[in-house]
Amino acid sequence: MLLVTGGAGFIGSNIVASLNEAGRTDVVVNDTLGTDGRWRNLAKRQLADFVQPQELNAWLQGRKLDAVIHMGAISDTTASDGDLVMQSNFRLSLALLDWCTRTQTPFIYASSAATYGNGEHGFSDDDSPAHLQALRPMNLYGWSKHLFDQTLIARKLRGEKLPPQWAGLKFFNVFGPNEYHKGKMASVLARIFDEARAGQTVKLFKSHKPGIADGDQRRDFIYVDDVVAVVRWLLESPRVSGLFNVGTGQARSFREMIEAMFASLKRVPNIEYVDMPESIRGQYQYFTQSEVGRLRAAGYNAGFTPLEEAVSRYVTRYLDCDDRYR
C-alpha cells in the first residue's frame, strides 16, 4: 500500500494516475478536496482509501506501507500566513519523516526550486550545510521547504536514524494536466490557453532588467510526466537517497513556450507585452535552470521531454479537448 499526500493536487494526482496505470490500486490519498474542483483530478482513479488531513495521524497507527510520497503542501508562493504554512509544510513533513523513520518506510517528498531564491548562488542541489545555509528563498513557501531540507540533512550528518530511503525533490517549473485548480499558481500556458484559442491576444510581462528582452525571462520548464517518471524510478530504486533537482537542465523563455502553444494550435503567435506589477518586480526571477548531475550520478538515465513536444502533448491531449483531466 502506498500513501500519496496531496494526492488530489497537480503533481500528486498525476502520480496516482501513473500508479493506477501500472496496475496499482492500493493507493491511499491524503488531501482535502475543497470547492475548487480538485475532485476531478481523481475522478478516473481507483483508490484504496481517502484520508482527510485531520485523520492522518490516527489512520497511520499500526499501518505498514510500501512508501510515503509526500506531495502535500501550501504551494502558493504568495502565501503570507506564516503559522499556517509552517504547520502544513514543515511540521506535517517532520511528523511524516518521524513516522517513516520509526516504521522504516521509504519517504519521498516534494521540495522546491523556490529554495534557491533569486539564484545568486546558482541552482546546484549540493546538500552540504555551507551551501544550504547560503540559500535565501524569496518567499514563505520556499523558506518552509528549505527549512525542512536543512532539518533532514542535519539529521543525516549527525548520524541519526532515517527512513531506509529518503529523497527530497526540488521541482522546477512543472506544467501539465490537472493543474487547473491552481488558479494564478497554474502555469502561464494553462492560464492563457482559452484566451489564445478564442483568438485573443496573449499578454506576457515586459522585461524590467537591462539586457533581457521582453518575453525572454527564462525558466526550467518540465512536463509533469517527467516528474512522475523520477518519482516512479525512486520507488523502484530503494538504495537511492538524497536531495535532487528535478528539472530538464535547460532554461527556455516564456515566449518560446507560448510560441509552441500557438504552433500546436496552428496559429500565428499573437503576443502583447505588458508592464510587470511593481509589487512583484523586486521578487521576480529572470532565470532558473536546474543542475541535474546528482540525479544522473544516482542512476537516473531517462531523458526529459523537449519543451515543444511537451507543449504539443499538453495542448492536443488535454487543453484542446472536452475532457482536460488525466
C-alpha atoms as a PDB file:
ATOM      1  CA  MET A   1       0.000   0.000   0.000  1.00  0.00           C
ATOM      2  CA  LEU A   2       1.217   3.495  -0.915  1.00  0.00           C
ATOM      3  CA  LEU A   3       0.254   6.801   0.694  1.00  0.00           C
ATOM      4  CA  VAL A   4       0.259   9.915  -1.503  1.00  0.00           C
ATOM      5  CA  THR A   5      -0.237  13.126   0.445  1.00  0.00           C
ATOM      6  CA  GLY A   6      -1.564  15.971  -1.682  1.00  0.00           C
ATOM      7  CA  GLY A   7      -2.828  13.234  -3.973  1.00  0.00           C
ATOM      8  CA  ALA A   8      -5.719  15.327  -5.281  1.00  0.00           C
ATOM      9  CA  GLY A   9      -3.370  18.127  -6.292  1.00  0.00           C
ATOM     10  CA  PHE A  10      -1.463  18.659  -9.504  1.00  0.00           C
ATOM     11  CA  ILE A  11       1.663  16.512  -9.204  1.00  0.00           C
ATOM     12  CA  GLY A  12       0.104  14.174  -6.658  1.00  0.00           C
ATOM     13  CA  SER A  13      -2.850  13.248  -8.871  1.00  0.00           C
ATOM     14  CA  ASN A  14      -0.521  12.559 -11.790  1.00  0.00           C
ATOM     15  CA  ILE A  15       1.480  10.218  -9.557  1.00  0.00           C
ATOM     16  CA  VAL A  16      -1.749   8.445  -8.553  1.00  0.00           C
ATOM     17  CA  ALA A  17      -2.723   8.156 -12.229  1.00  0.00           C
ATOM     18  CA  SER A  18       0.635   6.636 -13.128  1.00  0.00           C
ATOM     19  CA  LEU A  19       0.413   4.114 -10.294  1.00  0.00           C
ATOM     20  CA  ASN A  20      -3.095   3.114 -11.378  1.00  0.00           C
ATOM     21  CA  GLU A  21      -1.943   2.773 -14.968  1.00  0.00           C
ATOM     22  CA  ALA A  22       0.805   0.447 -13.754  1.00  0.00           C
ATOM     23  CA  GLY A  23      -1.816  -1.743 -12.089  1.00  0.00           C
ATOM     24  CA  ARG A  24      -1.591  -0.467  -8.526  1.00  0.00           C
ATOM     25  CA  THR A  25      -4.947   0.209  -6.904  1.00  0.00           C
ATOM     26  CA  ASP A  26      -3.669   0.002  -3.311  1.00  0.00           C
ATOM     27  CA  VAL A  27      -3.125   3.762  -3.308  1.00  0.00           C
ATOM     28  CA  VAL A  28      -4.335   5.934  -0.432  1.00  0.00           C
ATOM     29  CA  VAL A  29      -4.738   9.672  -0.950  1.00  0.00           C
ATOM     30  CA  ASN A  30      -4.394  12.154   1.894  1.00  0.00           C
ATOM     31  CA  ASP A  31      -5.787  15.557   0.932  1.00  0.00           C
ATOM     32  CA  THR A  32      -8.699  17.953   1.083  1.00  0.00           C
ATOM     33  CA  LEU A  33     -10.998  18.443  -1.899  1.00  0.00           C
ATOM     34  CA  GLY A  34     -12.419  21.852  -1.093  1.00  0.00           C
ATOM     35  CA  THR A  35     -14.601  23.638  -3.607  1.00  0.00           C
ATOM     36  CA  ASP A  36     -12.154  24.263  -6.450  1.00  0.00           C
ATOM     37  CA  GLY A  37     -12.962  21.118  -8.448  1.00  0.00           C
ATOM     38  CA  ARG A  38      -9.907  19.163  -7.314  1.00  0.00           C
ATOM     39  CA  TRP A  39     -12.037  16.022  -7.139  1.00  0.00           C
ATOM     40  CA  ARG A  40     -11.916  15.928 -10.934  1.00  0.00           C
ATOM     41  CA  ASN A  41      -8.181  15.209 -10.725  1.00  0.00           C
ATOM     42  CA  LEU A  42      -9.100  11.844  -9.172  1.00  0.00           C
ATOM     43  CA  ALA A  43     -12.374  11.141 -10.982  1.00  0.00           C
ATOM     44  CA  LYS A  44     -10.792   8.481 -13.220  1.00  0.00           C
ATOM     45  CA  ARG A  45      -8.795   6.839 -10.452  1.00  0.00           C
ATOM     46  CA  GLN A  46      -9.230   3.849  -8.175  1.00  0.00           C
ATOM     47  CA  LEU A  47      -8.221   4.398  -4.558  1.00  0.00           C
ATOM     48  CA  ALA A  48      -7.919   2.119  -1.564  1.00  0.00           C
ATOM     49  CA  ASP A  49      -8.839   4.975   0.784  1.00  0.00           C
ATOM     50  CA  PHE A  50      -9.123   8.761   1.039  1.00  0.00           C
ATOM     51  CA  VAL A  51      -7.910  10.268   4.300  1.00  0.00           C
ATOM     52  CA  GLN A  52      -8.578  13.829   5.459  1.00  0.00           C
ATOM     53  CA  PRO A  53      -5.558  15.657   6.956  1.00  0.00           C
ATOM     54  CA  GLN A  54      -7.052  15.734  10.454  1.00  0.00           C
ATOM     55  CA  GLU A  55      -7.489  11.949  10.311  1.00  0.00           C
ATOM     56  CA  LEU A  56      -3.983  11.119   9.125  1.00  0.00           C
ATOM     57  CA  ASN A  57      -2.241  10.554  12.470  1.00  0.00           C
ATOM     58  CA  ALA A  58      -4.903   8.122  13.644  1.00  0.00           C
ATOM     59  CA  TRP A  59      -5.010   6.393  10.256  1.00  0.00           C
ATOM     60  CA  LEU A  60      -1.252   5.789  10.288  1.00  0.00           C
ATOM     61  CA  GLN A  61      -1.303   3.984  13.614  1.00  0.00           C
ATOM     62  CA  GLY A  62      -0.367   0.334  13.119  1.00  0.00           C
ATOM     63  CA  ARG A  63      -0.063   0.688   9.342  1.00  0.00           C
ATOM     64  CA  LYS A  64       2.550  -0.940   7.145  1.00  0.00           C
ATOM     65  CA  LEU A  65       3.149   0.978   3.929  1.00  0.00           C
ATOM     66  CA  ASP A  66       5.414   0.375   0.952  1.00  0.00           C
ATOM     67  CA  ALA A  67       6.227   4.093   0.800  1.00  0.00           C
ATOM     68  CA  VAL A  68       5.009   7.579   1.654  1.00  0.00           C
ATOM     69  CA  ILE A  69       5.018  10.004  -1.282  1.00  0.00           C
ATOM     70  CA  HIS A  70       4.627  13.392   0.365  1.00  0.00           C
ATOM     71  CA  MET A  71       3.409  15.985  -2.150  1.00  0.00           C
ATOM     72  CA  GLY A  72       1.009  17.816   0.154  1.00  0.00           C
ATOM     73  CA  ALA A  73       1.798  21.469   0.930  1.00  0.00           C
ATOM     74  CA  ILE A  74       0.606  25.030   0.672  1.00  0.00           C
ATOM     75  CA  SER A  75       2.389  25.769  -2.592  1.00  0.00           C
ATOM     76  CA  ASP A  76       1.210  29.325  -3.205  1.00  0.00           C
ATOM     77  CA  THR A  77       4.352  31.449  -3.483  1.00  0.00           C
ATOM     78  CA  THR A  78       2.341  34.489  -2.373  1.00  0.00           C
ATOM     79  CA  ALA A  79       1.084  32.827   0.832  1.00  0.00           C
ATOM     80  CA  SER A  80       1.523  35.116   3.851  1.00  0.00           C
ATOM     81  CA  ASP A  81       0.087  33.182   6.824  1.00  0.00           C
ATOM     82  CA  GLY A  82       3.347  32.049   8.380  1.00  0.00           C
ATOM     83  CA  ASP A  83       1.787  29.895  11.080  1.00  0.00           C
ATOM     84  CA  LEU A  84      -0.416  28.022   8.616  1.00  0.00           C
ATOM     85  CA  VAL A  85       2.444  27.459   6.179  1.00  0.00           C
ATOM     86  CA  MET A  86       4.732  26.213   8.953  1.00  0.00           C
ATOM     87  CA  GLN A  87       2.100  23.803  10.198  1.00  0.00           C
ATOM     88  CA  SER A  88       1.245  22.493   6.738  1.00  0.00           C
ATOM     89  CA  ASN A  89       4.666  22.495   5.084  1.00  0.00           C
ATOM     90  CA  PHE A  90       7.149  21.991   7.901  1.00  0.00           C
ATOM     91  CA  ARG A  91       5.535  20.383  10.951  1.00  0.00           C
ATOM     92  CA  LEU A  92       3.488  17.875   8.942  1.00  0.00           C
ATOM     93  CA  SER A  93       6.588  16.947   6.953  1.00  0.00           C
ATOM     94  CA  LEU A  94       8.514  16.400  10.187  1.00  0.00           C
ATOM     95  CA  ALA A  95       5.729  14.207  11.571  1.00  0.00           C
ATOM     96  CA  LEU A  96       5.747  12.062   8.431  1.00  0.00           C
ATOM     97  CA  LEU A  97       9.546  11.843   8.457  1.00  0.00           C
ATOM     98  CA  ASP A  98       9.440  10.686  12.082  1.00  0.00           C
ATOM     99  CA  TRP A  99       6.739   8.112  11.297  1.00  0.00           C
ATOM    100  CA  CYS A 100       8.679   6.774   8.311  1.00  0.00           C
ATOM    101  CA  THR A 101      11.820   6.583  10.445  1.00  0.00           C
ATOM    102  CA  ARG A 102      10.056   4.640  13.217  1.00  0.00           C
ATOM    103  CA  THR A 103       8.399   2.232  10.787  1.00  0.00           C
ATOM    104  CA  GLN A 104      11.338   2.125   8.336  1.00  0.00           C
ATOM    105  CA  THR A 105       9.160   3.212   5.430  1.00  0.00           C
ATOM    106  CA  PRO A 106      10.639   4.862   2.297  1.00  0.00           C
ATOM    107  CA  PHE A 107       9.911   8.600   2.230  1.00  0.00           C
ATOM    108  CA  ILE A 108       9.835  10.665  -0.976  1.00  0.00           C
ATOM    109  CA  TYR A 109       8.877  14.303  -0.599  1.00  0.00           C
ATOM    110  CA  ALA A 110       8.447  17.490  -2.604  1.00  0.00           C
ATOM    111  CA  SER A 111      10.970  20.212  -2.014  1.00  0.00           C
ATOM    112  CA  SER A 112      11.106  23.108  -4.480  1.00  0.00           C
ATOM    113  CA  ALA A 113      13.343  25.212  -6.695  1.00  0.00           C
ATOM    114  CA  ALA A 114      11.896  28.123  -4.710  1.00  0.00           C
ATOM    115  CA  THR A 115      14.549  27.252  -2.112  1.00  0.00           C
ATOM    116  CA  TYR A 116      17.139  28.856  -4.434  1.00  0.00           C
ATOM    117  CA  GLY A 117      15.663  32.332  -4.133  1.00  0.00           C
ATOM    118  CA  ASN A 118      16.872  34.663  -6.861  1.00  0.00           C
ATOM    119  CA  GLY A 119      19.533  32.192  -7.966  1.00  0.00           C
ATOM    120  CA  GLU A 120      22.505  34.288  -6.876  1.00  0.00           C
ATOM    121  CA  HIS A 121      24.160  31.135  -5.521  1.00  0.00           C
ATOM    122  CA  GLY A 122      23.245  29.067  -8.565  1.00  0.00           C
ATOM    123  CA  PHE A 123      20.940  26.093  -8.791  1.00  0.00           C
ATOM    124  CA  SER A 124      23.100  23.271  -7.505  1.00  0.00           C
ATOM    125  CA  ASP A 125      21.442  20.620  -5.328  1.00  0.00           C
ATOM    126  CA  ASP A 126      24.591  20.369  -3.243  1.00  0.00           C
ATOM    127  CA  ASP A 127      23.395  19.291   0.202  1.00  0.00           C
ATOM    128  CA  SER A 128      26.389  20.469   2.210  1.00  0.00           C
ATOM    129  CA  PRO A 129      25.497  22.650   5.214  1.00  0.00           C
ATOM    130  CA  ALA A 130      27.528  25.575   3.875  1.00  0.00           C
ATOM    131  CA  HIS A 131      25.695  25.558   0.556  1.00  0.00           C
ATOM    132  CA  LEU A 132      22.259  25.163   2.121  1.00  0.00           C
ATOM    133  CA  GLN A 133      22.901  27.922   4.642  1.00  0.00           C
ATOM    134  CA  ALA A 134      23.851  30.315   1.842  1.00  0.00           C
ATOM    135  CA  LEU A 135      20.496  29.972   0.071  1.00  0.00           C
ATOM    136  CA  ARG A 136      17.975  32.756   0.588  1.00  0.00           C
ATOM    137  CA  PRO A 137      14.420  31.838  -0.505  1.00  0.00           C
ATOM    138  CA  MET A 138      12.384  34.858  -1.591  1.00  0.00           C
ATOM    139  CA  ASN A 139       9.004  33.773  -0.223  1.00  0.00           C
ATOM    140  CA  LEU A 140       7.426  31.980   2.712  1.00  0.00           C
ATOM    141  CA  TYR A 141       6.698  28.848   0.693  1.00  0.00           C
ATOM    142  CA  GLY A 142      10.309  28.486  -0.446  1.00  0.00           C
ATOM    143  CA  TRP A 143      11.600  29.099   3.077  1.00  0.00           C
ATOM    144  CA  SER A 144       9.327  26.418   4.575  1.00  0.00           C
ATOM    145  CA  LYS A 145      10.653  23.875   2.065  1.00  0.00           C
ATOM    146  CA  HIS A 146      14.238  24.979   2.614  1.00  0.00           C
ATOM    147  CA  LEU A 147      13.888  24.672   6.386  1.00  0.00           C
ATOM    148  CA  PHE A 148      12.733  21.073   6.068  1.00  0.00           C
ATOM    149  CA  ASP A 149      15.587  20.218   3.678  1.00  0.00           C
ATOM    150  CA  GLN A 150      18.054  21.636   6.183  1.00  0.00           C
ATOM    151  CA  THR A 151      16.492  19.738   9.087  1.00  0.00           C
ATOM    152  CA  LEU A 152      16.645  16.399   7.292  1.00  0.00           C
ATOM    153  CA  ILE A 153      20.230  16.926   6.122  1.00  0.00           C
ATOM    154  CA  ALA A 154      21.258  17.929   9.664  1.00  0.00           C
ATOM    155  CA  ARG A 155      19.836  14.659  10.990  1.00  0.00           C
ATOM    156  CA  LYS A 156      21.771  12.770   8.332  1.00  0.00           C
ATOM    157  CA  LEU A 157      25.049  14.487   9.212  1.00  0.00           C
ATOM    158  CA  ARG A 158      24.534  13.808  12.922  1.00  0.00           C
ATOM    159  CA  GLY A 159      24.155  10.131  12.107  1.00  0.00           C
ATOM    160  CA  GLU A 160      20.580   9.984  13.348  1.00  0.00           C
ATOM    161  CA  LYS A 161      18.286   7.242  12.192  1.00  0.00           C
ATOM    162  CA  LEU A 162      16.361   7.968   8.979  1.00  0.00           C
ATOM    163  CA  PRO A 163      13.981   6.016   6.742  1.00  0.00           C
ATOM    164  CA  PRO A 164      15.647   3.269   4.664  1.00  0.00           C
ATOM    165  CA  GLN A 165      15.146   5.539   1.651  1.00  0.00           C
ATOM    166  CA  TRP A 166      14.541   9.278   1.661  1.00  0.00           C
ATOM    167  CA  ALA A 167      14.515  11.647  -1.282  1.00  0.00           C
ATOM    168  CA  GLY A 168      13.757  15.364  -1.463  1.00  0.00           C
ATOM    169  CA  LEU A 169      12.827  16.546  -4.942  1.00  0.00           C
ATOM    170  CA  LYS A 170      13.460  20.176  -5.868  1.00  0.00           C
ATOM    171  CA  PHE A 171      10.832  20.615  -8.563  1.00  0.00           C
ATOM    172  CA  PHE A 172      11.406  23.391 -11.073  1.00  0.00           C
ATOM    173  CA  ASN A 173       8.588  24.813 -13.262  1.00  0.00           C
ATOM    174  CA  VAL A 174       6.239  21.857 -13.653  1.00  0.00           C
ATOM    175  CA  PHE A 175       3.306  22.075 -16.076  1.00  0.00           C
ATOM    176  CA  GLY A 176       0.731  19.652 -17.439  1.00  0.00           C
ATOM    177  CA  PRO A 177      -2.765  18.228 -16.942  1.00  0.00           C
ATOM    178  CA  ASN A 178      -4.646  18.551 -13.635  1.00  0.00           C
ATOM    179  CA  GLU A 179      -3.173  21.924 -12.696  1.00  0.00           C
ATOM    180  CA  TYR A 180      -6.376  23.835 -13.423  1.00  0.00           C
ATOM    181  CA  HIS A 181      -7.463  24.269  -9.793  1.00  0.00           C
ATOM    182  CA  LYS A 182      -4.268  26.187  -9.003  1.00  0.00           C
ATOM    183  CA  GLY A 183      -5.610  29.494 -10.331  1.00  0.00           C
ATOM    184  CA  LYS A 184      -2.891  32.129 -10.503  1.00  0.00           C
ATOM    185  CA  MET A 185      -0.313  29.498  -9.490  1.00  0.00           C
ATOM    186  CA  ALA A 186      -1.012  27.358 -12.577  1.00  0.00           C
ATOM    187  CA  SER A 187       1.461  27.539 -15.455  1.00  0.00           C
ATOM    188  CA  VAL A 188       1.181  30.539 -17.753  1.00  0.00           C
ATOM    189  CA  LEU A 189       0.289  28.119 -20.549  1.00  0.00           C
ATOM    190  CA  ALA A 190      -2.760  26.815 -18.691  1.00  0.00           C
ATOM    191  CA  ARG A 191      -3.833  30.318 -17.658  1.00  0.00           C
ATOM    192  CA  ILE A 192      -3.799  31.869 -21.125  1.00  0.00           C
ATOM    193  CA  PHE A 193      -4.815  28.910 -23.294  1.00  0.00           C
ATOM    194  CA  ASP A 194      -8.542  29.642 -23.523  1.00  0.00           C
ATOM    195  CA  GLU A 195      -7.874  33.249 -24.489  1.00  0.00           C
ATOM    196  CA  ALA A 196      -5.435  32.159 -27.186  1.00  0.00           C
ATOM    197  CA  ARG A 197      -7.822  29.560 -28.554  1.00  0.00           C
ATOM    198  CA  ALA A 198     -10.566  32.199 -28.706  1.00  0.00           C
ATOM    199  CA  GLY A 199      -8.326  34.402 -30.835  1.00  0.00           C
ATOM    200  CA  GLN A 200      -7.496  36.927 -28.144  1.00  0.00           C
ATOM    201  CA  THR A 201      -4.091  38.496 -27.651  1.00  0.00           C
ATOM    202  CA  VAL A 202      -1.878  36.708 -25.118  1.00  0.00           C
ATOM    203  CA  LYS A 203      -0.237  39.026 -22.599  1.00  0.00           C
ATOM    204  CA  LEU A 204       3.224  38.374 -21.197  1.00  0.00           C
ATOM    205  CA  PHE A 205       5.320  40.537 -18.895  1.00  0.00           C
ATOM    206  CA  LYS A 206       7.790  43.014 -20.269  1.00  0.00           C
ATOM    207  CA  SER A 207      11.335  42.715 -19.034  1.00  0.00           C
ATOM    208  CA  HIS A 208      12.412  45.270 -16.464  1.00  0.00           C
ATOM    209  CA  LYS A 209      16.013  44.100 -16.420  1.00  0.00           C
ATOM    210  CA  PRO A 210      18.584  45.566 -18.798  1.00  0.00           C
ATOM    211  CA  GLY A 211      19.896  43.110 -21.366  1.00  0.00           C
ATOM    212  CA  ILE A 212      16.869  40.807 -21.227  1.00  0.00           C
ATOM    213  CA  ALA A 213      14.261  41.194 -23.967  1.00  0.00           C
ATOM    214  CA  ASP A 214      10.527  41.214 -23.325  1.00  0.00           C
ATOM    215  CA  GLY A 215       9.317  37.628 -23.021  1.00  0.00           C
ATOM    216  CA  ASP A 216      12.858  36.294 -22.731  1.00  0.00           C
ATOM    217  CA  GLN A 217      12.588  35.676 -18.993  1.00  0.00           C
ATOM    218  CA  ARG A 218      13.597  32.028 -18.683  1.00  0.00           C
ATOM    219  CA  ARG A 219      12.540  29.049 -16.602  1.00  0.00           C
ATOM    220  CA  ASP A 220      13.423  25.388 -16.464  1.00  0.00           C
ATOM    221  CA  PHE A 221      10.020  24.129 -17.647  1.00  0.00           C
ATOM    222  CA  ILE A 222       9.477  20.413 -17.039  1.00  0.00           C
ATOM    223  CA  TYR A 223       6.451  18.390 -18.131  1.00  0.00           C
ATOM    224  CA  VAL A 224       4.653  16.615 -15.303  1.00  0.00           C
ATOM    225  CA  ASP A 225       5.127  13.188 -16.937  1.00  0.00           C
ATOM    226  CA  ASP A 226       8.882  13.589 -16.485  1.00  0.00           C
ATOM    227  CA  VAL A 227       8.436  14.492 -12.817  1.00  0.00           C
ATOM    228  CA  VAL A 228       6.288  11.405 -12.288  1.00  0.00           C
ATOM    229  CA  ALA A 229       8.914   9.274 -14.036  1.00  0.00           C
ATOM    230  CA  VAL A 230      11.518  10.390 -11.482  1.00  0.00           C
ATOM    231  CA  VAL A 231       9.206   9.508  -8.579  1.00  0.00           C
ATOM    232  CA  ARG A 232       8.442   6.100 -10.094  1.00  0.00           C
ATOM    233  CA  TRP A 233      12.152   5.453 -10.621  1.00  0.00           C
ATOM    234  CA  LEU A 234      12.862   6.235  -6.984  1.00  0.00           C
ATOM    235  CA  LEU A 235      10.173   3.785  -5.875  1.00  0.00           C
ATOM    236  CA  GLU A 236      11.961   1.148  -7.926  1.00  0.00           C
ATOM    237  CA  SER A 237      15.422   2.193  -6.668  1.00  0.00           C
ATOM    238  CA  PRO A 238      15.267   1.738  -2.886  1.00  0.00           C
ATOM    239  CA  ARG A 239      19.001   2.253  -2.401  1.00  0.00           C
ATOM    240  CA  VAL A 240      18.887   5.809  -3.746  1.00  0.00           C
ATOM    241  CA  SER A 241      18.534   8.612  -1.212  1.00  0.00           C
ATOM    242  CA  GLY A 242      19.357  12.288  -1.356  1.00  0.00           C
ATOM    243  CA  LEU A 243      18.311  15.787  -2.292  1.00  0.00           C
ATOM    244  CA  PHE A 244      17.799  16.078  -6.047  1.00  0.00           C
ATOM    245  CA  ASN A 245      16.870  18.757  -8.562  1.00  0.00           C
ATOM    246  CA  VAL A 246      14.046  17.722 -10.875  1.00  0.00           C
ATOM    247  CA  GLY A 247      14.219  19.854 -13.988  1.00  0.00           C
ATOM    248  CA  THR A 248      15.363  19.416 -17.570  1.00  0.00           C
ATOM    249  CA  GLY A 249      18.647  21.255 -17.138  1.00  0.00           C
ATOM    250  CA  GLN A 250      17.701  23.695 -19.907  1.00  0.00           C
ATOM    251  CA  ALA A 251      16.152  27.125 -19.407  1.00  0.00           C
ATOM    252  CA  ARG A 252      13.618  28.231 -22.026  1.00  0.00           C
ATOM    253  CA  SER A 253      11.784  31.523 -22.387  1.00  0.00           C
ATOM    254  CA  PHE A 254       8.133  32.240 -21.755  1.00  0.00           C
ATOM    255  CA  ARG A 255       7.937  33.492 -25.333  1.00  0.00           C
ATOM    256  CA  GLU A 256       9.186  30.128 -26.643  1.00  0.00           C
ATOM    257  CA  MET A 257       6.592  28.267 -24.570  1.00  0.00           C
ATOM    258  CA  ILE A 258       3.732  30.412 -25.859  1.00  0.00           C
ATOM    259  CA  GLU A 259       5.000  30.239 -29.440  1.00  0.00           C
ATOM    260  CA  ALA A 260       4.977  26.447 -29.103  1.00  0.00           C
ATOM    261  CA  MET A 261       1.360  26.653 -27.924  1.00  0.00           C
ATOM    262  CA  PHE A 262       0.372  28.722 -30.975  1.00  0.00           C
ATOM    263  CA  ALA A 263       2.185  26.224 -33.210  1.00  0.00           C
ATOM    264  CA  SER A 264       0.158  23.396 -31.645  1.00  0.00           C
ATOM    265  CA  LEU A 265      -2.997  25.369 -32.450  1.00  0.00           C
ATOM    266  CA  LYS A 266      -1.640  26.020 -35.975  1.00  0.00           C
ATOM    267  CA  ARG A 267      -1.915  29.768 -35.459  1.00  0.00           C
ATOM    268  CA  VAL A 268       0.382  32.742 -35.834  1.00  0.00           C
ATOM    269  CA  PRO A 269       1.659  33.945 -32.427  1.00  0.00           C
ATOM    270  CA  ASN A 270      -0.336  36.890 -31.072  1.00  0.00           C
ATOM    271  CA  ILE A 271       1.553  38.239 -28.054  1.00  0.00           C
ATOM    272  CA  GLU A 272       1.476  41.613 -26.313  1.00  0.00           C
ATOM    273  CA  TYR A 273       3.983  42.584 -23.643  1.00  0.00           C
ATOM    274  CA  VAL A 274       2.653  44.460 -20.617  1.00  0.00           C
ATOM    275  CA  ASP A 275       4.306  46.063 -17.605  1.00  0.00           C
ATOM    276  CA  MET A 276       5.007  43.783 -14.689  1.00  0.00           C
ATOM    277  CA  PRO A 277       3.225  44.914 -11.499  1.00  0.00           C
ATOM    278  CA  GLU A 278       5.611  46.910  -9.344  1.00  0.00           C
ATOM    279  CA  SER A 279       4.612  44.805  -6.327  1.00  0.00           C
ATOM    280  CA  ILE A 280       6.385  41.718  -7.720  1.00  0.00           C
ATOM    281  CA  ARG A 281       9.299  43.264  -9.622  1.00  0.00           C
ATOM    282  CA  GLY A 282      11.636  43.002  -6.645  1.00  0.00           C
ATOM    283  CA  GLN A 283      10.918  39.279  -6.202  1.00  0.00           C
ATOM    284  CA  TYR A 284      10.783  38.268  -9.845  1.00  0.00           C
ATOM    285  CA  GLN A 285      13.161  35.570 -11.088  1.00  0.00           C
ATOM    286  CA  TYR A 286      14.513  36.162 -14.575  1.00  0.00           C
ATOM    287  CA  PHE A 287      16.304  32.830 -14.872  1.00  0.00           C
ATOM    288  CA  THR A 288      16.113  29.335 -13.404  1.00  0.00           C
ATOM    289  CA  GLN A 289      17.942  26.272 -14.673  1.00  0.00           C
ATOM    290  CA  SER A 290      18.445  23.090 -12.718  1.00  0.00           C
ATOM    291  CA  GLU A 291      21.673  21.189 -12.422  1.00  0.00           C
ATOM    292  CA  VAL A 292      20.776  17.517 -12.839  1.00  0.00           C
ATOM    293  CA  GLY A 293      24.204  15.963 -12.302  1.00  0.00           C
ATOM    294  CA  ARG A 294      23.342  14.468  -8.905  1.00  0.00           C
ATOM    295  CA  LEU A 295      20.223  12.792 -10.271  1.00  0.00           C
ATOM    296  CA  ARG A 296      22.211  11.386 -13.202  1.00  0.00           C
ATOM    297  CA  ALA A 297      25.004  10.227 -10.890  1.00  0.00           C
ATOM    298  CA  ALA A 298      22.414   8.426  -8.757  1.00  0.00           C
ATOM    299  CA  GLY A 299      21.455   6.359 -11.816  1.00  0.00           C
ATOM    300  CA  TYR A 300      18.555   8.172 -13.440  1.00  0.00           C
ATOM    301  CA  ASN A 301      19.211   7.954 -17.177  1.00  0.00           C
ATOM    302  CA  ALA A 302      15.835   8.711 -18.795  1.00  0.00           C
ATOM    303  CA  GLY A 303      15.514  11.770 -20.997  1.00  0.00           C
ATOM    304  CA  PHE A 304      13.329  14.822 -20.488  1.00  0.00           C
ATOM    305  CA  THR A 305      10.608  15.829 -22.913  1.00  0.00           C
ATOM    306  CA  PRO A 306      11.674  18.811 -25.080  1.00  0.00           C
ATOM    307  CA  LEU A 307       9.564  21.914 -24.482  1.00  0.00           C
ATOM    308  CA  GLU A 308       7.923  21.971 -27.930  1.00  0.00           C
ATOM    309  CA  GLU A 309       6.954  18.298 -27.681  1.00  0.00           C
ATOM    310  CA  ALA A 310       5.666  18.687 -24.128  1.00  0.00           C
ATOM    311  CA  VAL A 311       3.557  21.730 -25.029  1.00  0.00           C
ATOM    312  CA  SER A 312       2.130  19.940 -28.072  1.00  0.00           C
ATOM    313  CA  ARG A 313       1.222  16.912 -25.960  1.00  0.00           C
ATOM    314  CA  TYR A 314      -0.419  19.072 -23.310  1.00  0.00           C
ATOM    315  CA  VAL A 315      -2.405  21.079 -25.857  1.00  0.00           C
ATOM    316  CA  THR A 316      -3.552  18.257 -28.132  1.00  0.00           C
ATOM    317  CA  ARG A 317      -4.267  15.631 -25.469  1.00  0.00           C
ATOM    318  CA  TYR A 318      -5.724  17.828 -22.741  1.00  0.00           C
ATOM    319  CA  LEU A 319      -6.151  21.594 -23.103  1.00  0.00           C
ATOM    320  CA  ASP A 320      -7.804  21.472 -26.525  1.00  0.00           C
ATOM    321  CA  CYS A 321     -10.134  18.619 -25.542  1.00  0.00           C
ATOM    322  CA  ASP A 322     -13.539  18.487 -23.881  1.00  0.00           C
ATOM    323  CA  ASP A 323     -12.038  16.404 -21.067  1.00  0.00           C
ATOM    324  CA  ARG A 324      -8.860  18.052 -19.869  1.00  0.00           C
ATOM    325  CA  TYR A 325      -8.181  15.682 -16.993  1.00  0.00           C
ATOM    326  CA  ARG A 326      -5.711  12.828 -16.821  1.00  0.00           C
END
